[in-house]
Amino acid sequence: MSQALTRSNAASPLRRILNQGRYESIQMLSNGEQLILAVVMPLIALFVLTLTDLVNNVADRSIDAAVPGVLALCVISTAFTGQGIGTGFDRRYGVLTMFSTTPLGKTGLIFGKVIAVLSVLLIQVVLICSVALLFLDWHPNPWGILPGILFLLLGAAAFTALGLLIAGTVRPEATLAITNLAWILLAGAGGVLYPLSMAPDWAQPTLNALPSAALGDAMRDALIHGQFSIAGLIFLILWAAAGSFAAIKLFKWS
C-alpha cells in the first residue's frame, strides 16, 4: 500500500524535467552577470547600432540591420556564455553529480538546461522585438519571421552544445574566461552584429566557418530580405551536430 502511494505521488519524468527547467531558468535570471549578458548588453547594442552609422550600409535603415544581429547576439549570450558559465560552476561544486544520481538523471538534467535556454531566449526575443517595434520603428520582412525563428532555434542548439562542451572539459575559471572572451570576439568580429562583407578579405574565409557568422547572416537574410539561407541552415546543423557529439563524448560530470 505504501509503495503504491509512493509511486502515485512520484513526479513523472516530464514533470521532473519541467521543474528542473524552471529551476535552471530562475538561476540564470537571478545571476547578475548573466542577466547583464542576457538583457542589458543586447539592449545597449540595439540602441548603439540604431543610433549610429555602424551598420548604415547593411540595410536601408539602421534599425532593420541592428535587430537581426542583436537577436543572434542574444543566442550567444544565453546558450553559450550564460549556460557555459552556469554549468561550469555547477560542475565544480558537485551540483551536476548530485542531480545525475537523482530520479531526474543525466538526460533530464540536460533537457532541463535546454528548457532554461529556450525560456530565457524567449524573454530576450520578446523584449528586443518589443523595444524595436514600439520605440525604434522596426519593420521586419514578414516572409522572414518563420525562418528567423528556425535559425534562432538552430543557433541555440549549436551554441548550447558548444557551451556545454567547454563547461564539461575545462576548469570553471577557464570556462568563465573563454566564454566571455568568445562573446566579445564573436560580437565584434564573428559576423554576429556585422556581416562578414565588412571584414578584411583575408579574414573572411576563416570567419565564414564560424557558427556566429552563419547565424548572423541567416538572421539578416531572413528579417531584412525575406530570404531563407541554405548555407546558414547547413552550417548551423553541422555545428549543432558536431558540438553535441563532442559534448556527449568529452563531458565530465565532476
Protein backbone atom coordinates (compact mmCIF):
# COMPACT_ATOMS: atom_id res chain seq x y z
CA MET A 1 0.00 0.00 0.00
CA SER A 2 2.77 2.46 0.96
CA GLN A 3 4.73 1.56 -2.19
CA ALA A 4 1.70 2.21 -4.38
CA LEU A 5 1.14 5.53 -2.62
CA THR A 6 4.79 6.48 -3.13
CA ARG A 7 4.58 5.65 -6.82
CA SER A 8 1.39 7.64 -7.24
CA ASN A 9 2.94 10.68 -5.53
CA ALA A 10 6.18 10.50 -7.51
CA ALA A 11 6.59 13.11 -10.20
CA SER A 12 6.52 11.91 -13.78
CA PRO A 13 9.72 12.21 -15.85
CA LEU A 14 8.17 15.10 -17.80
CA ARG A 15 7.23 16.90 -14.58
CA ARG A 16 10.77 16.44 -13.21
CA ILE A 17 12.26 17.87 -16.41
CA LEU A 18 9.89 20.85 -16.39
CA ASN A 19 10.67 21.54 -12.74
CA GLN A 20 14.37 21.37 -13.48
CA GLY A 21 13.90 23.69 -16.45
CA ARG A 22 12.13 26.20 -14.22
CA TYR A 23 14.91 25.94 -11.63
CA GLU A 24 17.61 26.43 -14.26
CA SER A 25 15.75 29.42 -15.74
CA ILE A 26 15.44 31.12 -12.34
CA GLN A 27 19.11 30.51 -11.65
CA MET A 28 20.13 32.11 -14.95
CA LEU A 29 17.89 35.14 -14.48
CA SER A 30 18.91 35.66 -10.84
CA ASN A 31 22.63 35.75 -11.66
CA GLY A 32 23.70 39.37 -12.05
CA GLU A 33 26.49 38.74 -14.56
CA GLN A 34 24.33 36.50 -16.73
CA LEU A 35 21.45 39.00 -16.55
CA ILE A 36 23.74 41.72 -17.86
CA LEU A 37 24.83 39.48 -20.74
CA ALA A 38 21.29 38.33 -21.47
CA VAL A 39 19.38 41.61 -21.27
CA VAL A 40 21.44 44.74 -20.67
CA MET A 41 24.18 44.22 -23.27
CA PRO A 42 21.82 43.27 -26.14
CA LEU A 43 19.68 46.34 -25.41
CA ILE A 44 22.76 48.57 -25.39
CA ALA A 45 23.90 47.01 -28.67
CA LEU A 46 20.45 47.61 -30.18
CA PHE A 47 20.48 51.33 -29.39
CA VAL A 48 24.13 51.83 -30.32
CA LEU A 49 23.71 50.19 -33.73
CA THR A 50 20.44 52.01 -34.39
CA LEU A 51 21.55 55.49 -33.35
CA THR A 52 24.96 55.41 -35.05
CA ASP A 53 26.12 54.78 -38.60
CA LEU A 54 27.91 51.49 -37.84
CA VAL A 55 25.52 49.39 -39.96
CA ASN A 56 24.19 52.05 -42.34
CA ASN A 57 25.29 50.14 -45.44
CA VAL A 58 23.70 46.84 -44.44
CA ALA A 59 20.05 47.85 -44.90
CA ASP A 60 18.02 50.91 -45.84
CA ARG A 61 17.64 51.77 -42.15
CA SER A 62 19.97 51.06 -39.26
CA ILE A 63 17.25 49.52 -37.10
CA ASP A 64 16.49 46.89 -39.76
CA ALA A 65 20.14 45.82 -39.77
CA ALA A 66 20.53 46.06 -36.00
CA VAL A 67 17.71 43.79 -34.81
CA PRO A 68 18.77 40.56 -36.61
CA GLY A 69 22.31 40.90 -35.28
CA VAL A 70 21.17 41.66 -31.74
CA LEU A 71 18.83 38.65 -31.75
CA ALA A 72 21.77 36.48 -32.84
CA LEU A 73 23.81 38.03 -30.02
CA CYS A 74 21.07 37.03 -27.56
CA VAL A 75 21.51 33.41 -28.60
CA ILE A 76 25.24 33.51 -27.91
CA SER A 77 24.72 35.35 -24.60
CA THR A 78 22.26 32.79 -23.26
CA ALA A 79 23.06 29.47 -24.94
CA PHE A 80 26.84 29.76 -24.98
CA THR A 81 28.16 32.23 -22.40
CA GLY A 82 25.39 32.05 -19.79
CA GLN A 83 24.86 28.31 -19.98
CA GLY A 84 28.57 27.60 -20.15
CA ILE A 85 29.37 29.64 -17.04
CA GLY A 86 26.44 28.26 -15.06
CA THR A 87 27.18 24.66 -15.96
CA GLY A 88 30.89 25.07 -15.31
CA PHE A 89 30.37 26.22 -11.74
CA ASP A 90 27.61 23.64 -11.15
CA ARG A 91 30.17 21.03 -12.16
CA ARG A 92 32.80 22.47 -9.83
CA TYR A 93 30.54 22.45 -6.76
CA GLY A 94 29.20 18.95 -7.40
CA VAL A 95 25.69 20.05 -8.39
CA LEU A 96 25.81 18.08 -11.64
CA THR A 97 26.92 14.91 -9.88
CA MET A 98 24.15 15.27 -7.31
CA PHE A 99 21.42 15.80 -9.92
CA SER A 100 22.70 12.98 -12.14
CA THR A 101 22.17 10.47 -9.30
CA THR A 102 18.59 11.58 -8.57
CA PRO A 103 15.49 10.31 -10.44
CA LEU A 104 15.99 13.29 -12.77
CA GLY A 105 19.09 11.60 -14.24
CA LYS A 106 21.63 12.99 -16.68
CA THR A 107 19.16 13.09 -19.58
CA GLY A 108 16.63 15.01 -17.53
CA LEU A 109 19.30 17.43 -16.39
CA ILE A 110 20.34 18.14 -19.99
CA PHE A 111 16.75 18.65 -21.12
CA GLY A 112 16.19 20.94 -18.14
CA LYS A 113 19.10 23.10 -19.31
CA VAL A 114 17.69 23.16 -22.83
CA ILE A 115 14.34 24.38 -21.45
CA ALA A 116 16.15 27.08 -19.47
CA VAL A 117 18.00 28.31 -22.56
CA LEU A 118 14.80 28.45 -24.62
CA SER A 119 12.88 30.16 -21.82
CA VAL A 120 15.47 32.90 -21.35
CA LEU A 121 15.87 33.26 -25.11
CA LEU A 122 12.11 33.74 -25.46
CA ILE A 123 12.22 36.56 -22.90
CA GLN A 124 15.12 38.16 -24.77
CA VAL A 125 13.41 37.93 -28.17
CA VAL A 126 10.14 39.37 -26.86
CA LEU A 127 11.99 42.21 -25.12
CA ILE A 128 14.24 43.13 -28.07
CA CYS A 129 11.44 42.89 -30.63
CA SER A 130 9.03 44.87 -28.45
CA VAL A 131 11.53 47.70 -27.94
CA ALA A 132 12.40 47.72 -31.64
CA LEU A 133 8.77 47.70 -32.79
CA LEU A 134 7.36 50.16 -30.26
CA PHE A 135 10.19 52.66 -29.87
CA LEU A 136 12.54 52.31 -32.86
CA ASP A 137 10.07 51.81 -35.73
CA TRP A 138 11.40 48.43 -36.78
CA HIS A 139 9.71 46.79 -39.78
CA PRO A 140 10.85 43.17 -40.23
CA ASN A 141 10.24 41.43 -43.53
CA PRO A 142 7.13 39.30 -42.82
CA TRP A 143 8.42 36.48 -45.03
CA GLY A 144 11.46 36.16 -42.83
CA ILE A 145 9.79 35.78 -39.43
CA LEU A 146 9.35 31.99 -39.52
CA PRO A 147 12.85 31.38 -40.98
CA GLY A 148 14.20 33.73 -38.32
CA ILE A 149 12.59 31.65 -35.56
CA LEU A 150 14.03 28.49 -37.07
CA PHE A 151 17.55 29.95 -37.21
CA LEU A 152 17.29 31.16 -33.62
CA LEU A 153 16.42 27.62 -32.51
CA LEU A 154 19.23 26.08 -34.56
CA GLY A 155 21.64 28.68 -33.21
CA ALA A 156 20.52 27.91 -29.67
CA ALA A 157 21.15 24.21 -30.28
CA ALA A 158 24.61 24.81 -31.72
CA PHE A 159 25.77 27.26 -29.06
CA THR A 160 24.27 25.29 -26.17
CA ALA A 161 26.24 22.26 -27.31
CA LEU A 162 29.43 24.32 -27.58
CA GLY A 163 28.84 25.92 -24.19
CA LEU A 164 28.32 22.54 -22.53
CA LEU A 165 31.41 21.19 -24.30
CA ILE A 166 33.60 23.90 -22.80
CA ALA A 167 31.91 23.75 -19.38
CA GLY A 168 32.35 19.98 -19.23
CA THR A 169 36.00 19.80 -20.23
CA VAL A 170 37.86 22.72 -18.62
CA ARG A 171 38.00 24.34 -15.18
CA PRO A 172 35.19 26.79 -14.27
CA GLU A 173 37.60 29.73 -14.18
CA ALA A 174 38.76 28.85 -17.69
CA THR A 175 35.15 28.46 -18.81
CA LEU A 176 34.39 31.94 -17.47
CA ALA A 177 37.34 33.44 -19.33
CA ILE A 178 36.81 31.53 -22.59
CA THR A 179 33.07 32.15 -22.91
CA ASN A 180 33.29 35.85 -22.02
CA LEU A 181 36.22 36.41 -24.38
CA ALA A 182 34.45 34.47 -27.13
CA TRP A 183 31.32 36.59 -26.61
CA ILE A 184 33.33 39.78 -27.16
CA LEU A 185 35.22 38.44 -30.17
CA LEU A 186 32.18 36.92 -31.86
CA ALA A 187 30.11 40.07 -31.31
CA GLY A 188 32.85 42.30 -32.68
CA ALA A 189 34.35 40.23 -35.47
CA GLY A 190 32.42 36.96 -35.75
CA GLY A 191 29.69 38.05 -38.13
CA VAL A 192 27.03 38.47 -35.44
CA LEU A 193 26.36 42.22 -35.39
CA TYR A 194 28.02 42.96 -38.73
CA PRO A 195 28.01 40.99 -41.99
CA LEU A 196 31.35 39.45 -42.89
CA SER A 197 31.44 41.52 -46.07
CA MET A 198 32.64 44.33 -43.77
CA ALA A 199 35.61 42.25 -42.58
CA PRO A 200 39.04 42.23 -44.28
CA ASP A 201 39.20 39.93 -47.31
CA TRP A 202 41.97 37.81 -45.80
CA ALA A 203 39.87 37.01 -42.72
CA GLN A 204 36.58 36.19 -44.43
CA PRO A 205 37.29 32.52 -45.33
CA THR A 206 38.05 31.69 -41.68
CA LEU A 207 35.23 33.76 -40.23
CA ASN A 208 32.72 32.26 -42.66
CA ALA A 209 33.20 28.87 -40.99
CA LEU A 210 32.07 30.16 -37.57
CA PRO A 211 28.56 29.37 -36.29
CA SER A 212 28.22 33.03 -35.29
CA ALA A 213 28.61 34.13 -38.90
CA ALA A 214 26.13 31.54 -40.12
CA LEU A 215 23.58 32.66 -37.54
CA GLY A 216 24.08 36.40 -38.03
CA ASP A 217 23.97 36.26 -41.83
CA ALA A 218 20.97 33.92 -41.83
CA MET A 219 19.05 36.25 -39.50
CA ARG A 220 19.83 39.26 -41.70
CA ASP A 221 18.85 37.41 -44.86
CA ALA A 222 15.56 36.44 -43.24
CA LEU A 223 14.47 39.62 -41.46
CA ILE A 224 15.84 42.16 -43.96
CA HIS A 225 15.37 40.42 -47.30
CA GLY A 226 12.83 37.69 -46.51
CA GLN A 227 15.24 35.06 -47.81
CA PHE A 228 15.99 31.58 -46.48
CA SER A 229 19.73 30.93 -46.12
CA ILE A 230 20.50 27.36 -47.15
CA ALA A 231 24.17 27.86 -46.27
CA GLY A 232 23.20 29.11 -42.81
CA LEU A 233 20.93 26.11 -42.31
CA ILE A 234 23.66 23.63 -43.25
CA PHE A 235 26.38 25.29 -41.17
CA LEU A 236 24.21 25.56 -38.05
CA ILE A 237 23.07 21.94 -38.30
CA LEU A 238 26.68 20.79 -38.72
CA TRP A 239 27.87 22.86 -35.77
CA ALA A 240 24.98 21.63 -33.60
CA ALA A 241 25.68 18.01 -34.53
CA ALA A 242 29.45 18.28 -34.07
CA GLY A 243 29.14 20.19 -30.81
CA SER A 244 26.60 17.74 -29.40
CA PHE A 245 28.71 14.72 -30.36
CA ALA A 246 31.82 16.23 -28.79
CA ALA A 247 29.97 17.27 -25.63
CA ILE A 248 28.48 13.79 -25.18
CA LYS A 249 31.86 12.12 -25.63
CA LEU A 250 34.02 14.50 -23.61
CA PHE A 251 31.74 15.97 -20.93
CA LYS A 252 32.91 15.28 -17.38
CA TRP A 253 30.24 15.47 -14.70
CA SER A 254 32.69 16.13 -11.87
